[in-house]
Structures are given as structure tokens and as C-alpha cells.
Amino acid sequence: MKKTEMTVAEAKRLVAEMFANGKNPMEQFGITWEEAESIERNNPGLTLKCPEEPLRLYAY
């Protein structure tokens, strides 16, 4: 199996686990959106921040 195929398989497995037993990811982690937002608001350095994606130019 090629590396990209393995990565896709791992991603599918992870997503399936997050939605297992009819739950959504927040329910799987036992947290509400309000609680997650409160944690992020009160501890901005705790949450992962991704830099803006650099501007990409596409040729059409």
C-alpha cells in the first residue's frame, strides 16, 4: 500500500471513530461547543492556531 493510500485509510478510520455510536466529535470528547469556546477564549495560547494559508495563484 502506498503512503498516500495509508494516509487516506487512517483519515477514514479516524473520522469513523469520531462519529461512532451515532455521536458527533464533540459528544465523543464529552464537551459542548460552548465549553470549547470558553476554553479557547480564556486560554488563547492553549488552542492550536493555524497561520493563514499563503496566497496561491492558480492558472486556468
PDB file of N, CA and C in Angstrom:
ATOM      1  N   MET A   1       0.854  -1.179   0.000  1.00  0.00           N
ATOM      2  CA  MET A   1       0.000   0.000   0.000  1.00  0.00           C
ATOM      3  C   MET A   1       0.898   1.239   0.000  1.00  0.00           C
ATOM      4  N   LYS A   2       0.567   2.195  -0.849  1.00  0.00           N
ATOM      5  CA  LYS A   2       1.340   3.428  -0.939  1.00  0.00           C
ATOM      6  C   LYS A   2       1.066   4.312   0.268  1.00  0.00           C
ATOM      7  N   LYS A   3       2.000   5.214   0.531  1.00  0.00           N
ATOM      8  CA  LYS A   3       1.868   6.097   1.694  1.00  0.00           C
ATOM      9  C   LYS A   3       0.583   6.921   1.629  1.00  0.00           C
ATOM     10  N   THR A   4       0.242   7.455   0.454  1.00  0.00           N
ATOM     11  CA  THR A   4      -0.990   8.251   0.357  1.00  0.00           C
ATOM     12  C   THR A   4      -2.217   7.393   0.619  1.00  0.00           C
ATOM     13  N   GLU A   5      -2.205   6.144   0.176  1.00  0.00           N
ATOM     14  CA  GLU A   5      -3.327   5.245   0.444  1.00  0.00           C
ATOM     15  C   GLU A   5      -3.440   4.967   1.936  1.00  0.00           C
ATOM     16  N   MET A   6      -2.293   4.816   2.604  1.00  0.00           N
ATOM     17  CA  MET A   6      -2.302   4.585   4.047  1.00  0.00           C
ATOM     18  C   MET A   6      -2.841   5.810   4.769  1.00  0.00           C
ATOM     19  N   THR A   7      -2.434   6.995   4.333  1.00  0.00           N
ATOM     20  CA  THR A   7      -2.897   8.226   4.966  1.00  0.00           C
ATOM     21  C   THR A   7      -4.404   8.374   4.805  1.00  0.00           C
ATOM     22  N   VAL A   8      -4.921   8.093   3.626  1.00  0.00           N
ATOM     23  CA  VAL A   8      -6.364   8.169   3.390  1.00  0.00           C
ATOM     24  C   VAL A   8      -7.082   7.146   4.263  1.00  0.00           C
ATOM     25  N   ALA A   9      -6.551   5.939   4.361  1.00  0.00           N
ATOM     26  CA  ALA A   9      -7.165   4.902   5.196  1.00  0.00           C
ATOM     27  C   ALA A   9      -7.173   5.323   6.662  1.00  0.00           C
ATOM     28  N   GLU A  10      -6.072   5.911   7.137  1.00  0.00           N
ATOM     29  CA  GLU A  10      -6.004   6.384   8.521  1.00  0.00           C
ATOM     30  C   GLU A  10      -7.010   7.498   8.761  1.00  0.00           C
ATOM     31  N   ALA A  11      -7.142   8.407   7.812  1.00  0.00           N
ATOM     32  CA  ALA A  11      -8.096   9.513   7.952  1.00  0.00           C
ATOM     33  C   ALA A  11      -9.521   8.982   8.016  1.00  0.00           C
ATOM     34  N   LYS A  12      -9.846   8.025   7.162  1.00  0.00           N
ATOM     35  CA  LYS A  12     -11.190   7.435   7.178  1.00  0.00           C
ATOM     36  C   LYS A  12     -11.470   6.743   8.508  1.00  0.00           C
ATOM     37  N   ARG A  13     -10.470   6.027   9.032  1.00  0.00           N
ATOM     38  CA  ARG A  13     -10.634   5.345  10.318  1.00  0.00           C
ATOM     39  C   ARG A  13     -10.858   6.362  11.437  1.00  0.00           C
ATOM     40  N   LEU A  14     -10.080   7.449  11.435  1.00  0.00           N
ATOM     41  CA  LEU A  14     -10.206   8.481  12.461  1.00  0.00           C
ATOM     42  C   LEU A  14     -11.586   9.136  12.416  1.00  0.00           C
ATOM     43  N   VAL A  15     -12.050   9.470  11.219  1.00  0.00           N
ATOM     44  CA  VAL A  15     -13.369  10.094  11.080  1.00  0.00           C
ATOM     45  C   VAL A  15     -14.453   9.127  11.538  1.00  0.00           C
ATOM     46  N   ALA A  16     -14.330   7.852  11.176  1.00  0.00           N
ATOM     47  CA  ALA A  16     -15.317   6.856  11.605  1.00  0.00           C
ATOM     48  C   ALA A  16     -15.359   6.755  13.124  1.00  0.00           C
ATOM     49  N   GLU A  17     -14.200   6.803  13.773  1.00  0.00           N
ATOM     50  CA  GLU A  17     -14.156   6.753  15.240  1.00  0.00           C
ATOM     51  C   GLU A  17     -14.809   7.981  15.858  1.00  0.00           C
ATOM     52  N   MET A  18     -14.608   9.149  15.250  1.00  0.00           N
ATOM     53  CA  MET A  18     -15.178  10.377  15.814  1.00  0.00           C
ATOM     54  C   MET A  18     -16.698  10.393  15.723  1.00  0.00           C
ATOM     55  N   PHE A  19     -17.252   9.668  14.749  1.00  0.00           N
ATOM     56  CA  PHE A  19     -18.702   9.638  14.579  1.00  0.00           C
ATOM     57  C   PHE A  19     -19.298   8.287  14.983  1.00  0.00           C
ATOM     58  N   ALA A  20     -18.561   7.485  15.749  1.00  0.00           N
ATOM     59  CA  ALA A  20     -19.029   6.160  16.161  1.00  0.00           C
ATOM     60  C   ALA A  20     -20.223   6.259  17.103  1.00  0.00           C
ATOM     61  N   ASN A  21     -21.034   5.231  17.103  1.00  0.00           N
ATOM     62  CA  ASN A  21     -22.188   5.106  18.002  1.00  0.00           C
ATOM     63  C   ASN A  21     -23.173   6.257  17.861  1.00  0.00           C
ATOM     64  N   GLY A  22     -23.260   6.834  16.672  1.00  0.00           N
ATOM     65  CA  GLY A  22     -24.224   7.902  16.422  1.00  0.00           C
ATOM     66  C   GLY A  22     -23.900   9.219  17.102  1.00  0.00           C
ATOM     67  N   LYS A  23     -22.668   9.366  17.586  1.00  0.00           N
ATOM     68  CA  LYS A  23     -22.268  10.607  18.258  1.00  0.00           C
ATOM     69  C   LYS A  23     -21.460  11.475  17.311  1.00  0.00           C
ATOM     70  N   ASN A  24     -21.425  12.776  17.610  1.00  0.00           N
ATOM     71  CA  ASN A  24     -20.557  13.673  16.852  1.00  0.00           C
ATOM     72  C   ASN A  24     -19.244  13.824  17.624  1.00  0.00           C
ATOM     73  N   PRO A  25     -18.221  14.422  17.010  1.00  0.00           N
ATOM     74  CA  PRO A  25     -16.928  14.529  17.688  1.00  0.00           C
ATOM     75  C   PRO A  25     -16.989  15.218  19.055  1.00  0.00           C
ATOM     76  N   MET A  26     -17.790  16.257  19.185  1.00  0.00           N
ATOM     77  CA  MET A  26     -17.871  16.947  20.478  1.00  0.00           C
ATOM     78  C   MET A  26     -18.444  16.011  21.541  1.00  0.00           C
ATOM     79  N   GLU A  27     -19.446  15.223  21.181  1.00  0.00           N
ATOM     80  CA  GLU A  27     -20.020  14.265  22.130  1.00  0.00           C
ATOM     81  C   GLU A  27     -19.004  13.184  22.483  1.00  0.00           C
ATOM     82  N   GLN A  28     -18.200  12.758  21.506  1.00  0.00           N
ATOM     83  CA  GLN A  28     -17.176  11.742  21.769  1.00  0.00           C
ATOM     84  C   GLN A  28     -16.168  12.247  22.800  1.00  0.00           C
ATOM     85  N   PHE A  29     -15.834  13.542  22.731  1.00  0.00           N
ATOM     86  CA  PHE A  29     -14.878  14.112  23.674  1.00  0.00           C
ATOM     87  C   PHE A  29     -15.538  14.577  24.962  1.00  0.00           C
ATOM     88  N   GLY A  30     -16.873  14.525  25.025  1.00  0.00           N
ATOM     89  CA  GLY A  30     -17.584  14.903  26.243  1.00  0.00           C
ATOM     90  C   GLY A  30     -17.550  16.390  26.529  1.00  0.00           C
ATOM     91  N   ILE A  31     -17.635  17.202  25.488  1.00  0.00           N
ATOM     92  CA  ILE A  31     -17.571  18.650  25.661  1.00  0.00           C
ATOM     93  C   ILE A  31     -18.589  19.305  24.725  1.00  0.00           C
ATOM     94  N   THR A  32     -19.110  20.444  25.134  1.00  0.00           N
ATOM     95  CA  THR A  32     -20.048  21.183  24.292  1.00  0.00           C
ATOM     96  C   THR A  32     -19.290  22.269  23.538  1.00  0.00           C
ATOM     97  N   TRP A  33     -19.929  22.814  22.502  1.00  0.00           N
ATOM     98  CA  TRP A  33     -19.302  23.912  21.763  1.00  0.00           C
ATOM     99  C   TRP A  33     -19.096  25.114  22.677  1.00  0.00           C
ATOM    100  N   GLU A  34     -20.045  25.357  23.562  1.00  0.00           N
ATOM    101  CA  GLU A  34     -19.913  26.489  24.487  1.00  0.00           C
ATOM    102  C   GLU A  34     -18.695  26.314  25.385  1.00  0.00           C
ATOM    103  N   GLU A  35     -18.482  25.084  25.873  1.00  0.00           N
ATOM    104  CA  GLU A  35     -17.314  24.826  26.720  1.00  0.00           C
ATOM    105  C   GLU A  35     -16.015  24.993  25.927  1.00  0.00           C
ATOM    106  N   ALA A  36     -16.005  24.502  24.698  1.00  0.00           N
ATOM    107  CA  ALA A  36     -14.812  24.636  23.858  1.00  0.00           C
ATOM    108  C   ALA A  36     -14.505  26.104  23.581  1.00  0.00           C
ATOM    109  N   GLU A  37     -15.536  26.883  23.284  1.00  0.00           N
ATOM    110  CA  GLU A  37     -15.338  28.313  23.035  1.00  0.00           C
ATOM    111  C   GLU A  37     -14.843  29.025  24.283  1.00  0.00           C
ATOM    112  N   SER A  38     -15.352  28.644  25.445  1.00  0.00           N
ATOM    113  CA  SER A  38     -14.920  29.248  26.698  1.00  0.00           C
ATOM    114  C   SER A  38     -13.447  28.940  26.969  1.00  0.00           C
ATOM    115  N   ILE A  39     -13.050  27.694  26.735  1.00  0.00           N
ATOM    116  CA  ILE A  39     -11.648  27.309  26.931  1.00  0.00           C
ATOM    117  C   ILE A  39     -10.753  28.126  26.007  1.00  0.00           C
ATOM    118  N   GLU A  40     -11.152  28.242  24.746  1.00  0.00           N
ATOM    119  CA  GLU A  40     -10.345  28.999  23.787  1.00  0.00           C
ATOM    120  C   GLU A  40     -10.280  30.473  24.157  1.00  0.00           C
ATOM    121  N   ARG A  41     -11.401  31.029  24.569  1.00  0.00           N
ATOM    122  CA  ARG A  41     -11.452  32.453  24.933  1.00  0.00           C
ATOM    123  C   ARG A  41     -10.591  32.732  26.167  1.00  0.00           C
ATOM    124  N   ASN A  42     -10.635  31.842  27.162  1.00  0.00           N
ATOM    125  CA  ASN A  42      -9.912  32.064  28.415  1.00  0.00           C
ATOM    126  C   ASN A  42      -8.451  31.626  28.364  1.00  0.00           C
ATOM    127  N   ASN A  43      -8.092  30.796  27.390  1.00  0.00           N
ATOM    128  CA  ASN A  43      -6.723  30.288  27.263  1.00  0.00           C
ATOM    129  C   ASN A  43      -6.292  30.317  25.801  1.00  0.00           C
ATOM    130  N   PRO A  44      -6.132  31.490  25.216  1.00  0.00           N
ATOM    131  CA  PRO A  44      -5.844  31.553  23.783  1.00  0.00           C
ATOM    132  C   PRO A  44      -4.571  30.823  23.371  1.00  0.00           C
ATOM    133  N   GLY A  45      -3.604  30.712  24.243  1.00  0.00           N
ATOM    134  CA  GLY A  45      -2.371  30.011  23.905  1.00  0.00           C
ATOM    135  C   GLY A  45      -2.508  28.503  23.951  1.00  0.00           C
ATOM    136  N   LEU A  46      -3.590  28.008  24.536  1.00  0.00           N
ATOM    137  CA  LEU A  46      -3.795  26.572  24.688  1.00  0.00           C
ATOM    138  C   LEU A  46      -4.263  25.921  23.395  1.00  0.00           C
ATOM    139  N   THR A  47      -5.019  26.651  22.621  1.00  0.00           N
ATOM    140  CA  THR A  47      -5.578  26.079  21.402  1.00  0.00           C
ATOM    141  C   THR A  47      -4.633  26.284  20.230  1.00  0.00           C
ATOM    142  N   LEU A  48      -4.703  25.389  19.278  1.00  0.00           N
ATOM    143  CA  LEU A  48      -3.843  25.440  18.109  1.00  0.00           C
ATOM    144  C   LEU A  48      -4.352  26.485  17.138  1.00  0.00           C
ATOM    145  N   LYS A  49      -3.498  27.348  16.741  1.00  0.00           N
ATOM    146  CA  LYS A  49      -3.839  28.364  15.751  1.00  0.00           C
ATOM    147  C   LYS A  49      -3.035  28.083  14.491  1.00  0.00           C
ATOM    148  N   CYS A  50      -3.701  28.023  13.372  1.00  0.00           N
ATOM    149  CA  CYS A  50      -3.028  27.803  12.096  1.00  0.00           C
ATOM    150  C   CYS A  50      -2.845  29.143  11.405  1.00  0.00           C
ATOM    151  N   PRO A  51      -1.647  29.399  10.910  1.00  0.00           N
ATOM    152  CA  PRO A  51      -1.456  30.655  10.176  1.00  0.00           C
ATOM    153  C   PRO A  51      -2.308  30.639   8.919  1.00  0.00           C
ATOM    154  N   GLU A  52      -2.637  31.819   8.457  1.00  0.00           N
ATOM    155  CA  GLU A  52      -3.420  31.916   7.231  1.00  0.00           C
ATOM    156  C   GLU A  52      -2.669  31.225   6.097  1.00  0.00           C
ATOM    157  N   GLU A  53      -3.413  30.550   5.268  1.00  0.00           N
ATOM    158  CA  GLU A  53      -2.793  29.874   4.133  1.00  0.00           C
ATOM    159  C   GLU A  53      -2.208  30.926   3.200  1.00  0.00           C
ATOM    160  N   PRO A  54      -0.974  30.724   2.769  1.00  0.00           N
ATOM    161  CA  PRO A  54      -0.386  31.713   1.856  1.00  0.00           C
ATOM    162  C   PRO A  54      -1.209  31.801   0.575  1.00  0.00           C
ATOM    163  N   LEU A  55      -1.201  32.969   0.002  1.00  0.00           N
ATOM    164  CA  LEU A  55      -1.943  33.198  -1.229  1.00  0.00           C
ATOM    165  C   LEU A  55      -1.423  32.270  -2.316  1.00  0.00           C
ATOM    166  N   ARG A  56      -2.336  31.561  -2.944  1.00  0.00           N
ATOM    167  CA  ARG A  56      -1.952  30.665  -4.029  1.00  0.00           C
ATOM    168  C   ARG A  56      -2.517  31.205  -5.335  1.00  0.00           C
ATOM    169  N   LEU A  57      -1.705  31.143  -6.335  1.00  0.00           N
ATOM    170  CA  LEU A  57      -2.135  31.581  -7.654  1.00  0.00           C
ATOM    171  C   LEU A  57      -2.411  30.341  -8.500  1.00  0.00           C
ATOM    172  N   TYR A  58      -3.532  30.337  -9.144  1.00  0.00           N
ATOM    173  CA  TYR A  58      -3.911  29.201  -9.975  1.00  0.00           C
ATOM    174  C   TYR A  58      -3.974  29.632 -11.434  1.00  0.00           C
ATOM    175  N   ALA A  59      -3.474  28.799 -12.303  1.00  0.00           N
ATOM    176  CA  ALA A  59      -3.539  29.065 -13.742  1.00  0.00           C
ATOM    177  C   ALA A  59      -4.755  28.346 -14.306  1.00  0.00           C
ATOM    178  N   TYR A  60      -5.543  29.077 -15.065  1.00  0.00           N
ATOM    179  CA  TYR A  60      -6.730  28.481 -15.688  1.00  0.00           C
ATOM    180  C   TYR A  60      -6.585  28.500 -17.183  1.00  0.00           C
TER     181      TYR A  60
END
